[in-house]
Amino acid sequence: MLSDGARPRLAPGVRTQHDGARGAWVVQAPERLVYPDEAAMAVLARCDGRRTVEEIVAEVAQEHGESPTALEDDIHELLEELMAHGVLTDGGP
């Protein structure tokens, strides 16, 4: 399980790009493309290796007028899935 103190960031070789033709964001990873929805992109945009998971949850919750506890499980699940697929890595302490 990903700790609240983890600092997720894009894994080496992974980048995000806006696809103007589709009007959507694309995460380009070695041998795969991921098309995150708006909510996932709100989380991914904050995965810079500086913010902790706890800070990401708090910022996204504030931006959407939700309580952090209402979004915490969903954000943890998203981050863990992206880490399992090699899109994110832990940026360390």
PDB file of N, CA and C in Angstrom:
ATOM      1  N   MET A   1       0.846  -1.182   0.000  1.00  0.00           N
ATOM      2  CA  MET A   1       0.000   0.000   0.000  1.00  0.00           C
ATOM      3  C   MET A   1       0.895   1.252   0.000  1.00  0.00           C
ATOM      4  N   LEU A   2       0.492   2.216  -0.721  1.00  0.00           N
ATOM      5  CA  LEU A   2       1.213   3.479  -0.861  1.00  0.00           C
ATOM      6  C   LEU A   2       0.975   4.338   0.386  1.00  0.00           C
ATOM      7  N   SER A   3       2.048   4.794   0.998  1.00  0.00           N
ATOM      8  CA  SER A   3       1.911   5.596   2.214  1.00  0.00           C
ATOM      9  C   SER A   3       1.522   7.030   1.877  1.00  0.00           C
ATOM     10  N   ASP A   4       0.950   7.720   2.853  1.00  0.00           N
ATOM     11  CA  ASP A   4       0.582   9.129   2.675  1.00  0.00           C
ATOM     12  C   ASP A   4       1.806  10.006   2.476  1.00  0.00           C
ATOM     13  N   GLY A   5       2.978   9.539   2.929  1.00  0.00           N
ATOM     14  CA  GLY A   5       4.200  10.313   2.808  1.00  0.00           C
ATOM     15  C   GLY A   5       4.959  10.077   1.509  1.00  0.00           C
ATOM     16  N   ALA A   6       4.493   9.122   0.687  1.00  0.00           N
ATOM     17  CA  ALA A   6       5.154   8.863  -0.597  1.00  0.00           C
ATOM     18  C   ALA A   6       5.027  10.097  -1.480  1.00  0.00           C
ATOM     19  N   ARG A   7       5.989  10.265  -2.374  1.00  0.00           N
ATOM     20  CA  ARG A   7       6.023  11.422  -3.274  1.00  0.00           C
ATOM     21  C   ARG A   7       6.044  10.918  -4.722  1.00  0.00           C
ATOM     22  N   PRO A   8       4.859  10.580  -5.248  1.00  0.00           N
ATOM     23  CA  PRO A   8       4.821  10.006  -6.593  1.00  0.00           C
ATOM     24  C   PRO A   8       5.233  11.005  -7.674  1.00  0.00           C
ATOM     25  N   ARG A   9       5.883  10.464  -8.701  1.00  0.00           N
ATOM     26  CA  ARG A   9       6.266  11.258  -9.866  1.00  0.00           C
ATOM     27  C   ARG A   9       6.209  10.341 -11.076  1.00  0.00           C
ATOM     28  N   LEU A  10       6.221  10.950 -12.258  1.00  0.00           N
ATOM     29  CA  LEU A  10       6.235  10.152 -13.473  1.00  0.00           C
ATOM     30  C   LEU A  10       7.514   9.323 -13.511  1.00  0.00           C
ATOM     31  N   ALA A  11       7.386   8.085 -13.921  1.00  0.00           N
ATOM     32  CA  ALA A  11       8.545   7.201 -14.038  1.00  0.00           C
ATOM     33  C   ALA A  11       9.429   7.673 -15.192  1.00  0.00           C
ATOM     34  N   PRO A  12      10.701   7.307 -15.169  1.00  0.00           N
ATOM     35  CA  PRO A  12      11.576   7.666 -16.281  1.00  0.00           C
ATOM     36  C   PRO A  12      10.998   7.173 -17.617  1.00  0.00           C
ATOM     37  N   GLY A  13      11.043   8.028 -18.612  1.00  0.00           N
ATOM     38  CA  GLY A  13      10.528   7.678 -19.930  1.00  0.00           C
ATOM     39  C   GLY A  13       9.038   7.900 -20.109  1.00  0.00           C
ATOM     40  N   VAL A  14       8.378   8.404 -19.073  1.00  0.00           N
ATOM     41  CA  VAL A  14       6.933   8.654 -19.138  1.00  0.00           C
ATOM     42  C   VAL A  14       6.704  10.159 -19.207  1.00  0.00           C
ATOM     43  N   ARG A  15       5.767  10.556 -20.055  1.00  0.00           N
ATOM     44  CA  ARG A  15       5.432  11.983 -20.127  1.00  0.00           C
ATOM     45  C   ARG A  15       3.951  12.143 -20.430  1.00  0.00           C
ATOM     46  N   THR A  16       3.438  13.313 -20.105  1.00  0.00           N
ATOM     47  CA  THR A  16       2.046  13.645 -20.434  1.00  0.00           C
ATOM     48  C   THR A  16       2.054  14.647 -21.575  1.00  0.00           C
ATOM     49  N   GLN A  17       1.017  14.559 -22.392  1.00  0.00           N
ATOM     50  CA  GLN A  17       0.896  15.468 -23.526  1.00  0.00           C
ATOM     51  C   GLN A  17      -0.585  15.634 -23.845  1.00  0.00           C
ATOM     52  N   HIS A  18      -0.955  16.847 -24.200  1.00  0.00           N
ATOM     53  CA  HIS A  18      -2.339  17.080 -24.593  1.00  0.00           C
ATOM     54  C   HIS A  18      -2.492  16.767 -26.074  1.00  0.00           C
ATOM     55  N   ASP A  19      -3.431  15.910 -26.387  1.00  0.00           N
ATOM     56  CA  ASP A  19      -3.730  15.537 -27.774  1.00  0.00           C
ATOM     57  C   ASP A  19      -4.832  16.459 -28.275  1.00  0.00           C
ATOM     58  N   GLY A  20      -4.437  17.483 -29.024  1.00  0.00           N
ATOM     59  CA  GLY A  20      -5.389  18.478 -29.507  1.00  0.00           C
ATOM     60  C   GLY A  20      -6.454  17.895 -30.412  1.00  0.00           C
ATOM     61  N   ALA A  21      -6.104  16.901 -31.216  1.00  0.00           N
ATOM     62  CA  ALA A  21      -7.069  16.289 -32.128  1.00  0.00           C
ATOM     63  C   ALA A  21      -8.184  15.580 -31.366  1.00  0.00           C
ATOM     64  N   ARG A  22      -7.852  14.955 -30.261  1.00  0.00           N
ATOM     65  CA  ARG A  22      -8.847  14.243 -29.450  1.00  0.00           C
ATOM     66  C   ARG A  22      -9.397  15.104 -28.321  1.00  0.00           C
ATOM     67  N   GLY A  23      -8.704  16.212 -28.051  1.00  0.00           N
ATOM     68  CA  GLY A  23      -9.126  17.063 -26.942  1.00  0.00           C
ATOM     69  C   GLY A  23      -8.962  16.373 -25.608  1.00  0.00           C
ATOM     70  N   ALA A  24      -7.914  15.545 -25.493  1.00  0.00           N
ATOM     71  CA  ALA A  24      -7.711  14.771 -24.272  1.00  0.00           C
ATOM     72  C   ALA A  24      -6.227  14.700 -23.948  1.00  0.00           C
ATOM     73  N   TRP A  25      -5.934  14.409 -22.691  1.00  0.00           N
ATOM     74  CA  TRP A  25      -4.566  14.195 -22.255  1.00  0.00           C
ATOM     75  C   TRP A  25      -4.158  12.759 -22.527  1.00  0.00           C
ATOM     76  N   VAL A  26      -2.893  12.568 -22.821  1.00  0.00           N
ATOM     77  CA  VAL A  26      -2.322  11.250 -23.068  1.00  0.00           C
ATOM     78  C   VAL A  26      -1.096  11.095 -22.180  1.00  0.00           C
ATOM     79  N   VAL A  27      -0.991   9.954 -21.553  1.00  0.00           N
ATOM     80  CA  VAL A  27       0.217   9.606 -20.820  1.00  0.00           C
ATOM     81  C   VAL A  27       0.962   8.622 -21.703  1.00  0.00           C
ATOM     82  N   GLN A  28       2.155   9.024 -22.121  1.00  0.00           N
ATOM     83  CA  GLN A  28       2.965   8.181 -22.991  1.00  0.00           C
ATOM     84  C   GLN A  28       4.021   7.483 -22.148  1.00  0.00           C
ATOM     85  N   ALA A  29       3.934   6.166 -22.127  1.00  0.00           N
ATOM     86  CA  ALA A  29       4.880   5.338 -21.393  1.00  0.00           C
ATOM     87  C   ALA A  29       5.473   4.338 -22.383  1.00  0.00           C
ATOM     88  N   PRO A  30       6.634   3.785 -22.068  1.00  0.00           N
ATOM     89  CA  PRO A  30       7.196   2.794 -22.981  1.00  0.00           C
ATOM     90  C   PRO A  30       6.189   1.689 -23.304  1.00  0.00           C
ATOM     91  N   GLU A  31       5.910   1.544 -24.580  1.00  0.00           N
ATOM     92  CA  GLU A  31       5.021   0.505 -25.108  1.00  0.00           C
ATOM     93  C   GLU A  31       3.577   0.607 -24.635  1.00  0.00           C
ATOM     94  N   ARG A  32       3.146   1.790 -24.220  1.00  0.00           N
ATOM     95  CA  ARG A  32       1.731   1.934 -23.835  1.00  0.00           C
ATOM     96  C   ARG A  32       1.321   3.399 -23.846  1.00  0.00           C
ATOM     97  N   LEU A  33       0.047   3.599 -24.091  1.00  0.00           N
ATOM     98  CA  LEU A  33      -0.581   4.912 -23.982  1.00  0.00           C
ATOM     99  C   LEU A  33      -1.723   4.795 -22.993  1.00  0.00           C
ATOM    100  N   VAL A  34      -1.869   5.794 -22.146  1.00  0.00           N
ATOM    101  CA  VAL A  34      -2.965   5.838 -21.185  1.00  0.00           C
ATOM    102  C   VAL A  34      -3.712   7.139 -21.427  1.00  0.00           C
ATOM    103  N   TYR A  35      -5.035   7.047 -21.513  1.00  0.00           N
ATOM    104  CA  TYR A  35      -5.872   8.236 -21.688  1.00  0.00           C
ATOM    105  C   TYR A  35      -6.622   8.488 -20.379  1.00  0.00           C
ATOM    106  N   PRO A  36      -6.021   9.272 -19.468  1.00  0.00           N
ATOM    107  CA  PRO A  36      -6.672   9.522 -18.183  1.00  0.00           C
ATOM    108  C   PRO A  36      -7.874  10.450 -18.340  1.00  0.00           C
ATOM    109  N   ASP A  37      -8.893  10.208 -17.521  1.00  0.00           N
ATOM    110  CA  ASP A  37     -10.024  11.128 -17.531  1.00  0.00           C
ATOM    111  C   ASP A  37      -9.642  12.391 -16.766  1.00  0.00           C
ATOM    112  N   GLU A  38     -10.553  13.333 -16.703  1.00  0.00           N
ATOM    113  CA  GLU A  38     -10.270  14.627 -16.080  1.00  0.00           C
ATOM    114  C   GLU A  38      -9.874  14.485 -14.610  1.00  0.00           C
ATOM    115  N   ALA A  39     -10.552  13.604 -13.893  1.00  0.00           N
ATOM    116  CA  ALA A  39     -10.247  13.411 -12.474  1.00  0.00           C
ATOM    117  C   ALA A  39      -8.857  12.805 -12.290  1.00  0.00           C
ATOM    118  N   ALA A  40      -8.513  11.827 -13.105  1.00  0.00           N
ATOM    119  CA  ALA A  40      -7.187  11.209 -13.011  1.00  0.00           C
ATOM    120  C   ALA A  40      -6.108  12.216 -13.380  1.00  0.00           C
ATOM    121  N   MET A  41      -6.371  13.057 -14.362  1.00  0.00           N
ATOM    122  CA  MET A  41      -5.380  14.049 -14.764  1.00  0.00           C
ATOM    123  C   MET A  41      -5.170  15.090 -13.667  1.00  0.00           C
ATOM    124  N   ALA A  42      -6.212  15.404 -12.908  1.00  0.00           N
ATOM    125  CA  ALA A  42      -6.076  16.337 -11.786  1.00  0.00           C
ATOM    126  C   ALA A  42      -5.097  15.779 -10.753  1.00  0.00           C
ATOM    127  N   VAL A  43      -5.086  14.464 -10.594  1.00  0.00           N
ATOM    128  CA  VAL A  43      -4.150  13.816  -9.675  1.00  0.00           C
ATOM    129  C   VAL A  43      -2.765  13.749 -10.311  1.00  0.00           C
ATOM    130  N   LEU A  44      -2.693  13.257 -11.550  1.00  0.00           N
ATOM    131  CA  LEU A  44      -1.403  13.105 -12.232  1.00  0.00           C
ATOM    132  C   LEU A  44      -0.630  14.415 -12.344  1.00  0.00           C
ATOM    133  N   ALA A  45      -1.338  15.508 -12.565  1.00  0.00           N
ATOM    134  CA  ALA A  45      -0.685  16.808 -12.716  1.00  0.00           C
ATOM    135  C   ALA A  45       0.071  17.208 -11.442  1.00  0.00           C
ATOM    136  N   ARG A  46      -0.304  16.625 -10.335  1.00  0.00           N
ATOM    137  CA  ARG A  46       0.327  16.953  -9.053  1.00  0.00           C
ATOM    138  C   ARG A  46       1.439  15.968  -8.675  1.00  0.00           C
ATOM    139  N   CYS A  47       1.620  14.936  -9.460  1.00  0.00           N
ATOM    140  CA  CYS A  47       2.645  13.923  -9.178  1.00  0.00           C
ATOM    141  C   CYS A  47       3.988  14.414  -9.700  1.00  0.00           C
ATOM    142  N   ASP A  48       4.627  15.267  -8.905  1.00  0.00           N
ATOM    143  CA  ASP A  48       5.861  15.920  -9.332  1.00  0.00           C
ATOM    144  C   ASP A  48       7.075  15.488  -8.515  1.00  0.00           C
ATOM    145  N   GLY A  49       6.890  14.524  -7.620  1.00  0.00           N
ATOM    146  CA  GLY A  49       7.994  14.068  -6.777  1.00  0.00           C
ATOM    147  C   GLY A  49       8.257  14.952  -5.579  1.00  0.00           C
ATOM    148  N   ARG A  50       7.571  16.071  -5.484  1.00  0.00           N
ATOM    149  CA  ARG A  50       7.708  16.981  -4.338  1.00  0.00           C
ATOM    150  C   ARG A  50       6.518  16.856  -3.395  1.00  0.00           C
ATOM    151  N   ARG A  51       5.324  16.765  -3.964  1.00  0.00           N
ATOM    152  CA  ARG A  51       4.121  16.655  -3.129  1.00  0.00           C
ATOM    153  C   ARG A  51       3.972  15.220  -2.608  1.00  0.00           C
ATOM    154  N   THR A  52       3.528  15.125  -1.363  1.00  0.00           N
ATOM    155  CA  THR A  52       3.218  13.811  -0.809  1.00  0.00           C
ATOM    156  C   THR A  52       1.820  13.409  -1.262  1.00  0.00           C
ATOM    157  N   VAL A  53       1.524  12.133  -1.101  1.00  0.00           N
ATOM    158  CA  VAL A  53       0.183  11.646  -1.429  1.00  0.00           C
ATOM    159  C   VAL A  53      -0.846  12.410  -0.611  1.00  0.00           C
ATOM    160  N   GLU A  54      -0.542  12.643   0.652  1.00  0.00           N
ATOM    161  CA  GLU A  54      -1.457  13.380   1.532  1.00  0.00           C
ATOM    162  C   GLU A  54      -1.717  14.790   0.985  1.00  0.00           C
ATOM    163  N   GLU A  55      -0.685  15.459   0.499  1.00  0.00           N
ATOM    164  CA  GLU A  55      -0.848  16.803  -0.066  1.00  0.00           C
ATOM    165  C   GLU A  55      -1.660  16.765  -1.363  1.00  0.00           C
ATOM    166  N   ILE A  56      -1.424  15.749  -2.178  1.00  0.00           N
ATOM    167  CA  ILE A  56      -2.181  15.605  -3.425  1.00  0.00           C
ATOM    168  C   ILE A  56      -3.663  15.417  -3.121  1.00  0.00           C
ATOM    169  N   VAL A  57      -3.961  14.544  -2.174  1.00  0.00           N
ATOM    170  CA  VAL A  57      -5.360  14.304  -1.784  1.00  0.00           C
ATOM    171  C   VAL A  57      -5.999  15.607  -1.305  1.00  0.00           C
ATOM    172  N   ALA A  58      -5.300  16.346  -0.443  1.00  0.00           N
ATOM    173  CA  ALA A  58      -5.849  17.592   0.104  1.00  0.00           C
ATOM    174  C   ALA A  58      -6.099  18.622  -0.996  1.00  0.00           C
ATOM    175  N   GLU A  59      -5.158  18.763  -1.934  1.00  0.00           N
ATOM    176  CA  GLU A  59      -5.314  19.744  -3.016  1.00  0.00           C
ATOM    177  C   GLU A  59      -6.469  19.381  -3.946  1.00  0.00           C
ATOM    178  N   VAL A  60      -6.565  18.121  -4.325  1.00  0.00           N
ATOM    179  CA  VAL A  60      -7.644  17.701  -5.225  1.00  0.00           C
ATOM    180  C   VAL A  60      -8.992  17.851  -4.524  1.00  0.00           C
ATOM    181  N   ALA A  61      -9.047  17.494  -3.257  1.00  0.00           N
ATOM    182  CA  ALA A  61     -10.295  17.627  -2.499  1.00  0.00           C
ATOM    183  C   ALA A  61     -10.729  19.084  -2.423  1.00  0.00           C
ATOM    184  N   GLN A  62      -9.789  19.971  -2.130  1.00  0.00           N
ATOM    185  CA  GLN A  62     -10.121  21.396  -2.042  1.00  0.00           C
ATOM    186  C   GLN A  62     -10.594  21.921  -3.399  1.00  0.00           C
ATOM    187  N   GLU A  63      -9.904  21.529  -4.461  1.00  0.00           N
ATOM    188  CA  GLU A  63     -10.261  21.983  -5.810  1.00  0.00           C
ATOM    189  C   GLU A  63     -11.678  21.553  -6.202  1.00  0.00           C
ATOM    190  N   HIS A  64     -12.097  20.385  -5.717  1.00  0.00           N
ATOM    191  CA  HIS A  64     -13.414  19.861  -6.085  1.00  0.00           C
ATOM    192  C   HIS A  64     -14.459  20.035  -4.994  1.00  0.00           C
ATOM    193  N   GLY A  65     -14.112  20.761  -3.937  1.00  0.00           N
ATOM    194  CA  GLY A  65     -15.077  21.024  -2.866  1.00  0.00           C
ATOM    195  C   GLY A  65     -15.500  19.776  -2.111  1.00  0.00           C
ATOM    196  N   GLU A  66     -14.576  18.840  -1.960  1.00  0.00           N
ATOM    197  CA  GLU A  66     -14.843  17.589  -1.247  1.00  0.00           C
ATOM    198  C   GLU A  66     -13.978  17.532   0.005  1.00  0.00           C
ATOM    199  N   SER A  67     -14.309  16.607   0.886  1.00  0.00           N
ATOM    200  CA  SER A  67     -13.431  16.394   2.036  1.00  0.00           C
ATOM    201  C   SER A  67     -12.347  15.406   1.605  1.00  0.00           C
ATOM    202  N   PRO A  68     -11.143  15.566   2.137  1.00  0.00           N
ATOM    203  CA  PRO A  68     -10.070  14.634   1.778  1.00  0.00           C
ATOM    204  C   PRO A  68     -10.430  13.170   2.039  1.00  0.00           C
ATOM    205  N   THR A  69     -11.160  12.912   3.115  1.00  0.00           N
ATOM    206  CA  THR A  69     -11.513  11.516   3.416  1.00  0.00           C
ATOM    207  C   THR A  69     -12.440  10.923   2.362  1.00  0.00           C
ATOM    208  N   ALA A  70     -13.217  11.762   1.684  1.00  0.00           N
ATOM    209  CA  ALA A  70     -14.120  11.266   0.640  1.00  0.00           C
ATOM    210  C   ALA A  70     -13.364  10.809  -0.605  1.00  0.00           C
ATOM    211  N   LEU A  71     -12.175  11.368  -0.837  1.00  0.00           N
ATOM    212  CA  LEU A  71     -11.411  11.061  -2.048  1.00  0.00           C
ATOM    213  C   LEU A  71     -10.181  10.193  -1.797  1.00  0.00           C
ATOM    214  N   GLU A  72      -9.788  10.069  -0.554  1.00  0.00           N
ATOM    215  CA  GLU A  72      -8.523   9.410  -0.209  1.00  0.00           C
ATOM    216  C   GLU A  72      -8.400   8.000  -0.795  1.00  0.00           C
ATOM    217  N   ASP A  73      -9.391   7.158  -0.620  1.00  0.00           N
ATOM    218  CA  ASP A  73      -9.303   5.780  -1.110  1.00  0.00           C
ATOM    219  C   ASP A  73      -9.200   5.725  -2.627  1.00  0.00           C
ATOM    220  N   ASP A  74      -9.999   6.536  -3.318  1.00  0.00           N
ATOM    221  CA  ASP A  74      -9.972   6.542  -4.779  1.00  0.00           C
ATOM    222  C   ASP A  74      -8.623   7.017  -5.314  1.00  0.00           C
ATOM    223  N   ILE A  75      -8.055   8.037  -4.696  1.00  0.00           N
ATOM    224  CA  ILE A  75      -6.772   8.561  -5.157  1.00  0.00           C
ATOM    225  C   ILE A  75      -5.662   7.555  -4.875  1.00  0.00           C
ATOM    226  N   HIS A  76      -5.685   6.927  -3.710  1.00  0.00           N
ATOM    227  CA  HIS A  76      -4.693   5.892  -3.402  1.00  0.00           C
ATOM    228  C   HIS A  76      -4.792   4.761  -4.422  1.00  0.00           C
ATOM    229  N   GLU A  77      -5.992   4.332  -4.732  1.00  0.00           N
ATOM    230  CA  GLU A  77      -6.193   3.241  -5.689  1.00  0.00           C
ATOM    231  C   GLU A  77      -5.650   3.622  -7.069  1.00  0.00           C
ATOM    232  N   LEU A  78      -5.935   4.834  -7.521  1.00  0.00           N
ATOM    233  CA  LEU A  78      -5.444   5.305  -8.812  1.00  0.00           C
ATOM    234  C   LEU A  78      -3.918   5.326  -8.828  1.00  0.00           C
ATOM    235  N   LEU A  79      -3.301   5.902  -7.803  1.00  0.00           N
ATOM    236  CA  LEU A  79      -1.852   5.997  -7.746  1.00  0.00           C
ATOM    237  C   LEU A  79      -1.204   4.618  -7.706  1.00  0.00           C
ATOM    238  N   GLU A  80      -1.758   3.712  -6.933  1.00  0.00           N
ATOM    239  CA  GLU A  80      -1.206   2.362  -6.845  1.00  0.00           C
ATOM    240  C   GLU A  80      -1.316   1.629  -8.181  1.00  0.00           C
ATOM    241  N   GLU A  81      -2.421   1.816  -8.875  1.00  0.00           N
ATOM    242  CA  GLU A  81      -2.596   1.191 -10.187  1.00  0.00           C
ATOM    243  C   GLU A  81      -1.575   1.742 -11.185  1.00  0.00           C
ATOM    244  N   LEU A  82      -1.384   3.061 -11.187  1.00  0.00           N
ATOM    245  CA  LEU A  82      -0.414   3.668 -12.102  1.00  0.00           C
ATOM    246  C   LEU A  82       1.013   3.252 -11.761  1.00  0.00           C
ATOM    247  N   MET A  83       1.304   3.055 -10.481  1.00  0.00           N
ATOM    248  CA  MET A  83       2.632   2.571 -10.093  1.00  0.00           C
ATOM    249  C   MET A  83       2.813   1.122 -10.555  1.00  0.00           C
ATOM    250  N   ALA A  84       1.790   0.308 -10.414  1.00  0.00           N
ATOM    251  CA  ALA A  84       1.866  -1.095 -10.838  1.00  0.00           C
ATOM    252  C   ALA A  84       2.100  -1.212 -12.346  1.00  0.00           C
ATOM    253  N   HIS A  85       1.595  -0.249 -13.115  1.00  0.00           N
ATOM    254  CA  HIS A  85       1.758  -0.265 -14.559  1.00  0.00           C
ATOM    255  C   HIS A  85       3.017   0.489 -15.028  1.00  0.00           C
ATOM    256  N   GLY A  86       3.825   0.946 -14.077  1.00  0.00           N
ATOM    257  CA  GLY A  86       5.085   1.600 -14.421  1.00  0.00           C
ATOM    258  C   GLY A  86       4.963   3.035 -14.894  1.00  0.00           C
ATOM    259  N   VAL A  87       3.796   3.646 -14.686  1.00  0.00           N
ATOM    260  CA  VAL A  87       3.604   5.044 -15.087  1.00  0.00           C
ATOM    261  C   VAL A  87       4.170   5.980 -14.021  1.00  0.00           C
ATOM    262  N   LEU A  88       4.031   5.612 -12.754  1.00  0.00           N
ATOM    263  CA  LEU A  88       4.526   6.428 -11.644  1.00  0.00           C
ATOM    264  C   LEU A  88       5.573   5.661 -10.862  1.00  0.00           C
ATOM    265  N   THR A  89       6.393   6.406 -10.162  1.00  0.00           N
ATOM    266  CA  THR A  89       7.360   5.864  -9.222  1.00  0.00           C
ATOM    267  C   THR A  89       7.361   6.747  -7.990  1.00  0.00           C
ATOM    268  N   ASP A  90       7.907   6.250  -6.897  1.00  0.00           N
ATOM    269  CA  ASP A  90       7.983   7.064  -5.680  1.00  0.00           C
ATOM    270  C   ASP A  90       9.218   7.943  -5.761  1.00  0.00           C
ATOM    271  N   GLY A  91       9.007   9.251  -5.671  1.00  0.00           N
ATOM    272  CA  GLY A  91      10.102  10.206  -5.741  1.00  0.00           C
ATOM    273  C   GLY A  91      10.953  10.264  -4.508  1.00  0.00           C
ATOM    274  N   GLY A  92      10.610   9.488  -3.473  1.00  0.00           N
ATOM    275  CA  GLY A  92      11.406   9.442  -2.251  1.00  0.00           C
ATOM    276  C   GLY A  92      11.025  10.506  -1.248  1.00  0.00           C
ATOM    277  N   PRO A  93      11.773  10.545  -0.145  1.00  0.00           N
ATOM    278  CA  PRO A  93      11.437  11.471   0.948  1.00  0.00           C
ATOM    279  C   PRO A  93      11.683  12.922   0.602  1.00  0.00           C
TER     280      PRO A  93
END
